[in-house]
Amino acid sequence: MKLYLSPNGRIAQPTYWQAVIILLVISVVLTVLSAYSSPFIGFLSILLIWPWIAVHVKRFHDAGKTGWLTVAMVVLAFIVSLIAGLILPPIFGVDMAGMQAEMQRDMEDMAASNDPAAMMAATMEHSRRIAQASLIPNILASVLSVGVVGIVMGLFKSDPNENQYGPPTV
């Protein structure tokens, strides 16, 4: 657990990749569960932010670099995810704008009924349909983002000597 909870210390590249794969699998499982059960399950992904940061900080430490470079990786991941999120859904035939417009029309119709429970149910159903339709593009965007960040992280080689972050990794 220390691997995922503490940004202190160093980790070697193989340990980094093991941690990244585990975090990616958990993210994908949460995405699938969110699409097929409740969209609120997706909010559990927030709990993975710190483990992602801790793993990347340790990897930078292993290369003798400051953990603050993780901010650059977050920006890179965000940019890759944003671009993939714009490109992949249309490739898979997902009309996000059309689905959102349909949801908006239904919400406007429901607003006239003054039935908050019906509005919430309709919102949940539309959210579930959008999540299911965009499931594959979202998973691919996540994998692509993790892959690009991983390639960049691979450019940072382990410092073979003890550095300010600890002894060398084996």
C-alpha atoms as a PDB file:
ATOM      1  CA  MET A   1       0.000   0.000   0.000  1.00  0.00           C
ATOM      2  CA  LYS A   2       2.926   2.331   0.645  1.00  0.00           C
ATOM      3  CA  LEU A   3       3.570   2.234  -3.094  1.00  0.00           C
ATOM      4  CA  TYR A   4       0.227   3.940  -3.732  1.00  0.00           C
ATOM      5  CA  LEU A   5      -0.106   6.155  -0.675  1.00  0.00           C
ATOM      6  CA  SER A   6       3.286   7.753  -0.097  1.00  0.00           C
ATOM      7  CA  PRO A   7       5.144   9.940  -2.587  1.00  0.00           C
ATOM      8  CA  ASN A   8       8.384   9.438  -0.639  1.00  0.00           C
ATOM      9  CA  GLY A   9      11.158   7.248  -1.945  1.00  0.00           C
ATOM     10  CA  ARG A  10      11.978   5.711  -5.286  1.00  0.00           C
ATOM     11  CA  ILE A  11      10.586   2.959  -7.521  1.00  0.00           C
ATOM     12  CA  ALA A  12      12.200   1.229 -10.466  1.00  0.00           C
ATOM     13  CA  GLN A  13      10.626   1.193 -13.885  1.00  0.00           C
ATOM     14  CA  PRO A  14       9.209  -2.370 -13.608  1.00  0.00           C
ATOM     15  CA  THR A  15       7.509  -1.473 -10.314  1.00  0.00           C
ATOM     16  CA  TYR A  16       6.210   1.719 -11.928  1.00  0.00           C
ATOM     17  CA  TRP A  17       4.633  -0.262 -14.764  1.00  0.00           C
ATOM     18  CA  GLN A  18       3.086  -2.796 -12.386  1.00  0.00           C
ATOM     19  CA  ALA A  19       1.518   0.036 -10.387  1.00  0.00           C
ATOM     20  CA  VAL A  20       0.315   1.827 -13.529  1.00  0.00           C
ATOM     21  CA  ILE A  21      -1.302  -1.319 -14.916  1.00  0.00           C
ATOM     22  CA  ILE A  22      -3.081  -2.001 -11.621  1.00  0.00           C
ATOM     23  CA  LEU A  23      -4.343   1.597 -11.416  1.00  0.00           C
ATOM     24  CA  LEU A  24      -5.446   1.506 -15.059  1.00  0.00           C
ATOM     25  CA  VAL A  25      -7.362  -1.755 -14.534  1.00  0.00           C
ATOM     26  CA  ILE A  26      -9.107  -0.289 -11.478  1.00  0.00           C
ATOM     27  CA  SER A  27      -9.973   2.827 -13.506  1.00  0.00           C
ATOM     28  CA  VAL A  28     -11.397   0.754 -16.348  1.00  0.00           C
ATOM     29  CA  VAL A  29     -13.446  -1.389 -13.947  1.00  0.00           C
ATOM     30  CA  LEU A  30     -14.880   1.750 -12.332  1.00  0.00           C
ATOM     31  CA  THR A  31     -15.706   3.153 -15.779  1.00  0.00           C
ATOM     32  CA  VAL A  32     -17.537  -0.021 -16.791  1.00  0.00           C
ATOM     33  CA  LEU A  33     -19.403  -0.246 -13.477  1.00  0.00           C
ATOM     34  CA  SER A  34     -20.353   3.399 -13.789  1.00  0.00           C
ATOM     35  CA  ALA A  35     -21.742   2.839 -17.278  1.00  0.00           C
ATOM     36  CA  TYR A  36     -23.820  -0.195 -16.371  1.00  0.00           C
ATOM     37  CA  SER A  37     -24.952   0.423 -12.817  1.00  0.00           C
ATOM     38  CA  SER A  38     -24.782   3.967 -11.486  1.00  0.00           C
ATOM     39  CA  PRO A  39     -22.982   6.990 -12.909  1.00  0.00           C
ATOM     40  CA  PHE A  40     -22.097   7.927  -9.343  1.00  0.00           C
ATOM     41  CA  ILE A  41     -19.665   4.992  -9.140  1.00  0.00           C
ATOM     42  CA  GLY A  42     -17.469   6.978 -11.520  1.00  0.00           C
ATOM     43  CA  PHE A  43     -16.871   9.475  -8.733  1.00  0.00           C
ATOM     44  CA  LEU A  44     -14.859   6.791  -6.929  1.00  0.00           C
ATOM     45  CA  SER A  45     -12.164   7.461  -9.524  1.00  0.00           C
ATOM     46  CA  ILE A  46     -11.355  10.582  -7.538  1.00  0.00           C
ATOM     47  CA  LEU A  47      -9.855   8.262  -4.929  1.00  0.00           C
ATOM     48  CA  LEU A  48      -7.266   7.156  -7.504  1.00  0.00           C
ATOM     49  CA  ILE A  49      -5.805  10.625  -8.029  1.00  0.00           C
ATOM     50  CA  TRP A  50      -3.429  10.381  -5.072  1.00  0.00           C
ATOM     51  CA  PRO A  51      -2.102   6.886  -5.956  1.00  0.00           C
ATOM     52  CA  TRP A  52      -1.406   8.059  -9.526  1.00  0.00           C
ATOM     53  CA  ILE A  53       0.483  11.067  -8.176  1.00  0.00           C
ATOM     54  CA  ALA A  54       2.436   9.006  -5.614  1.00  0.00           C
ATOM     55  CA  VAL A  55       3.588   6.487  -8.224  1.00  0.00           C
ATOM     56  CA  HIS A  56       4.738   9.174 -10.659  1.00  0.00           C
ATOM     57  CA  VAL A  57       6.507  11.210  -7.985  1.00  0.00           C
ATOM     58  CA  LYS A  58       8.455   8.122  -6.904  1.00  0.00           C
ATOM     59  CA  ARG A  59       9.397   7.370 -10.487  1.00  0.00           C
ATOM     60  CA  PHE A  60      10.748  10.900 -10.923  1.00  0.00           C
ATOM     61  CA  HIS A  61      12.614  10.528  -7.624  1.00  0.00           C
ATOM     62  CA  ASP A  62      14.237   7.356  -8.955  1.00  0.00           C
ATOM     63  CA  ALA A  63      15.602   9.394 -11.842  1.00  0.00           C
ATOM     64  CA  GLY A  64      16.925  12.019  -9.415  1.00  0.00           C
ATOM     65  CA  LYS A  65      14.287  14.549 -10.496  1.00  0.00           C
ATOM     66  CA  THR A  66      11.822  16.552  -8.468  1.00  0.00           C
ATOM     67  CA  GLY A  67       8.372  15.077  -7.971  1.00  0.00           C
ATOM     68  CA  TRP A  68       6.885  18.371  -9.112  1.00  0.00           C
ATOM     69  CA  LEU A  69       7.464  17.178 -12.690  1.00  0.00           C
ATOM     70  CA  THR A  70       4.355  15.087 -12.071  1.00  0.00           C
ATOM     71  CA  VAL A  71       2.376  18.273 -12.740  1.00  0.00           C
ATOM     72  CA  ALA A  72       3.718  18.196 -16.303  1.00  0.00           C
ATOM     73  CA  MET A  73       2.554  14.574 -16.634  1.00  0.00           C
ATOM     74  CA  VAL A  74      -0.916  15.534 -15.393  1.00  0.00           C
ATOM     75  CA  VAL A  75      -1.068  18.299 -18.015  1.00  0.00           C
ATOM     76  CA  LEU A  76       0.153  15.887 -20.702  1.00  0.00           C
ATOM     77  CA  ALA A  77      -2.432  13.265 -19.681  1.00  0.00           C
ATOM     78  CA  PHE A  78      -5.169  15.911 -19.716  1.00  0.00           C
ATOM     79  CA  ILE A  79      -4.207  17.110 -23.203  1.00  0.00           C
ATOM     80  CA  VAL A  80      -4.008  13.566 -24.610  1.00  0.00           C
ATOM     81  CA  SER A  81      -7.353  12.663 -23.000  1.00  0.00           C
ATOM     82  CA  LEU A  82      -8.984  15.820 -24.329  1.00  0.00           C
ATOM     83  CA  ILE A  83      -7.783  15.215 -27.881  1.00  0.00           C
ATOM     84  CA  ALA A  84      -8.709  11.513 -27.726  1.00  0.00           C
ATOM     85  CA  GLY A  85     -12.095  12.449 -26.273  1.00  0.00           C
ATOM     86  CA  LEU A  86     -12.759  14.649 -29.282  1.00  0.00           C
ATOM     87  CA  ILE A  87     -11.494  12.206 -31.901  1.00  0.00           C
ATOM     88  CA  LEU A  88     -12.510   8.727 -30.675  1.00  0.00           C
ATOM     89  CA  PRO A  89     -16.291   9.020 -30.071  1.00  0.00           C
ATOM     90  CA  PRO A  90     -17.109   9.982 -33.686  1.00  0.00           C
ATOM     91  CA  ILE A  91     -14.858   7.166 -34.928  1.00  0.00           C
ATOM     92  CA  PHE A  92     -17.000   4.743 -32.918  1.00  0.00           C
ATOM     93  CA  GLY A  93     -20.243   6.351 -34.120  1.00  0.00           C
ATOM     94  CA  VAL A  94     -21.043   8.105 -30.839  1.00  0.00           C
ATOM     95  CA  ASP A  95     -22.939  11.361 -31.402  1.00  0.00           C
ATOM     96  CA  MET A  96     -22.281  13.081 -28.083  1.00  0.00           C
ATOM     97  CA  ALA A  97     -23.840  16.368 -29.182  1.00  0.00           C
ATOM     98  CA  GLY A  98     -26.989  14.599 -30.362  1.00  0.00           C
ATOM     99  CA  MET A  99     -27.303  12.593 -27.156  1.00  0.00           C
ATOM    100  CA  GLN A 100     -26.809  15.683 -25.020  1.00  0.00           C
ATOM    101  CA  ALA A 101     -29.343  17.632 -27.084  1.00  0.00           C
ATOM    102  CA  GLU A 102     -31.860  14.813 -26.624  1.00  0.00           C
ATOM    103  CA  MET A 103     -31.215  14.861 -22.887  1.00  0.00           C
ATOM    104  CA  GLN A 104     -31.703  18.637 -22.808  1.00  0.00           C
ATOM    105  CA  ARG A 105     -35.025  18.368 -24.676  1.00  0.00           C
ATOM    106  CA  ASP A 106     -36.246  15.691 -22.278  1.00  0.00           C
ATOM    107  CA  MET A 107     -35.223  17.785 -19.282  1.00  0.00           C
ATOM    108  CA  GLU A 108     -37.120  20.776 -20.654  1.00  0.00           C
ATOM    109  CA  ASP A 109     -40.213  18.593 -21.155  1.00  0.00           C
ATOM    110  CA  MET A 110     -39.851  17.155 -17.656  1.00  0.00           C
ATOM    111  CA  ALA A 111     -39.448  20.591 -16.082  1.00  0.00           C
ATOM    112  CA  ALA A 112     -43.034  21.366 -17.023  1.00  0.00           C
ATOM    113  CA  SER A 113     -44.235  18.347 -15.024  1.00  0.00           C
ATOM    114  CA  ASN A 114     -42.801  19.658 -11.749  1.00  0.00           C
ATOM    115  CA  ASP A 115     -41.853  16.089 -10.780  1.00  0.00           C
ATOM    116  CA  PRO A 116     -38.284  16.090  -9.415  1.00  0.00           C
ATOM    117  CA  ALA A 117     -38.201  12.290  -9.087  1.00  0.00           C
ATOM    118  CA  ALA A 118     -39.107  11.850 -12.753  1.00  0.00           C
ATOM    119  CA  MET A 119     -36.484  14.419 -13.754  1.00  0.00           C
ATOM    120  CA  MET A 120     -33.834  12.617 -11.721  1.00  0.00           C
ATOM    121  CA  ALA A 121     -34.788   9.240 -13.175  1.00  0.00           C
ATOM    122  CA  ALA A 122     -34.682  10.621 -16.711  1.00  0.00           C
ATOM    123  CA  THR A 123     -31.329  12.280 -16.069  1.00  0.00           C
ATOM    124  CA  MET A 124     -29.891   9.044 -14.702  1.00  0.00           C
ATOM    125  CA  GLU A 125     -31.182   7.076 -17.690  1.00  0.00           C
ATOM    126  CA  HIS A 126     -29.717   9.561 -20.184  1.00  0.00           C
ATOM    127  CA  SER A 127     -26.423   9.600 -18.283  1.00  0.00           C
ATOM    128  CA  ARG A 128     -26.304   5.812 -18.355  1.00  0.00           C
ATOM    129  CA  ARG A 129     -26.991   5.707 -22.102  1.00  0.00           C
ATOM    130  CA  ILE A 130     -24.287   8.312 -22.790  1.00  0.00           C
ATOM    131  CA  ALA A 131     -21.797   6.426 -20.575  1.00  0.00           C
ATOM    132  CA  GLN A 132     -22.564   3.117 -22.294  1.00  0.00           C
ATOM    133  CA  ALA A 133     -22.334   4.601 -25.778  1.00  0.00           C
ATOM    134  CA  SER A 134     -18.999   6.233 -25.031  1.00  0.00           C
ATOM    135  CA  LEU A 135     -17.541   3.369 -22.981  1.00  0.00           C
ATOM    136  CA  ILE A 136     -15.087   2.032 -25.572  1.00  0.00           C
ATOM    137  CA  PRO A 137     -13.855   5.497 -26.640  1.00  0.00           C
ATOM    138  CA  ASN A 138     -13.405   6.476 -22.982  1.00  0.00           C
ATOM    139  CA  ILE A 139     -11.431   3.337 -22.170  1.00  0.00           C
ATOM    140  CA  LEU A 140      -9.269   3.788 -25.258  1.00  0.00           C
ATOM    141  CA  ALA A 141      -8.659   7.429 -24.338  1.00  0.00           C
ATOM    142  CA  SER A 142      -7.521   6.326 -20.869  1.00  0.00           C
ATOM    143  CA  VAL A 143      -5.212   3.654 -22.274  1.00  0.00           C
ATOM    144  CA  LEU A 144      -3.804   6.109 -24.812  1.00  0.00           C
ATOM    145  CA  SER A 145      -3.218   8.736 -22.146  1.00  0.00           C
ATOM    146  CA  VAL A 146      -1.496   6.263 -19.816  1.00  0.00           C
ATOM    147  CA  GLY A 147       0.581   4.968 -22.727  1.00  0.00           C
ATOM    148  CA  VAL A 148       1.795   8.405 -23.792  1.00  0.00           C
ATOM    149  CA  VAL A 149       2.648   9.386 -20.217  1.00  0.00           C
ATOM    150  CA  GLY A 150       4.356   6.006 -19.744  1.00  0.00           C
ATOM    151  CA  ILE A 151       6.478   6.543 -22.849  1.00  0.00           C
ATOM    152  CA  VAL A 152       7.557   9.950 -21.549  1.00  0.00           C
ATOM    153  CA  MET A 153       8.246   8.462 -18.117  1.00  0.00           C
ATOM    154  CA  GLY A 154      10.410   5.837 -19.834  1.00  0.00           C
ATOM    155  CA  LEU A 155      12.731   8.616 -20.984  1.00  0.00           C
ATOM    156  CA  PHE A 156      13.753   9.159 -17.355  1.00  0.00           C
ATOM    157  CA  LYS A 157      16.368   6.552 -16.504  1.00  0.00           C
ATOM    158  CA  SER A 158      17.030   5.365 -12.963  1.00  0.00           C
ATOM    159  CA  ASP A 159      19.829   7.081 -11.081  1.00  0.00           C
ATOM    160  CA  PRO A 160      22.217   4.195 -10.244  1.00  0.00           C
ATOM    161  CA  ASN A 161      23.511   6.018  -7.173  1.00  0.00           C
ATOM    162  CA  GLU A 162      21.920   7.041  -3.932  1.00  0.00           C
ATOM    163  CA  ASN A 163      20.292  10.426  -4.334  1.00  0.00           C
ATOM    164  CA  GLN A 164      18.395  12.820  -2.109  1.00  0.00           C
ATOM    165  CA  TYR A 165      15.314  10.594  -2.385  1.00  0.00           C
ATOM    166  CA  GLY A 166      16.910   7.386  -1.176  1.00  0.00           C
ATOM    167  CA  PRO A 167      19.110   4.442  -2.136  1.00  0.00           C
ATOM    168  CA  PRO A 168      19.050   3.085  -5.693  1.00  0.00           C
ATOM    169  CA  THR A 169      16.265   0.702  -6.654  1.00  0.00           C
ATOM    170  CA  VAL A 170      17.045  -2.853  -7.572  1.00  0.00           C
END
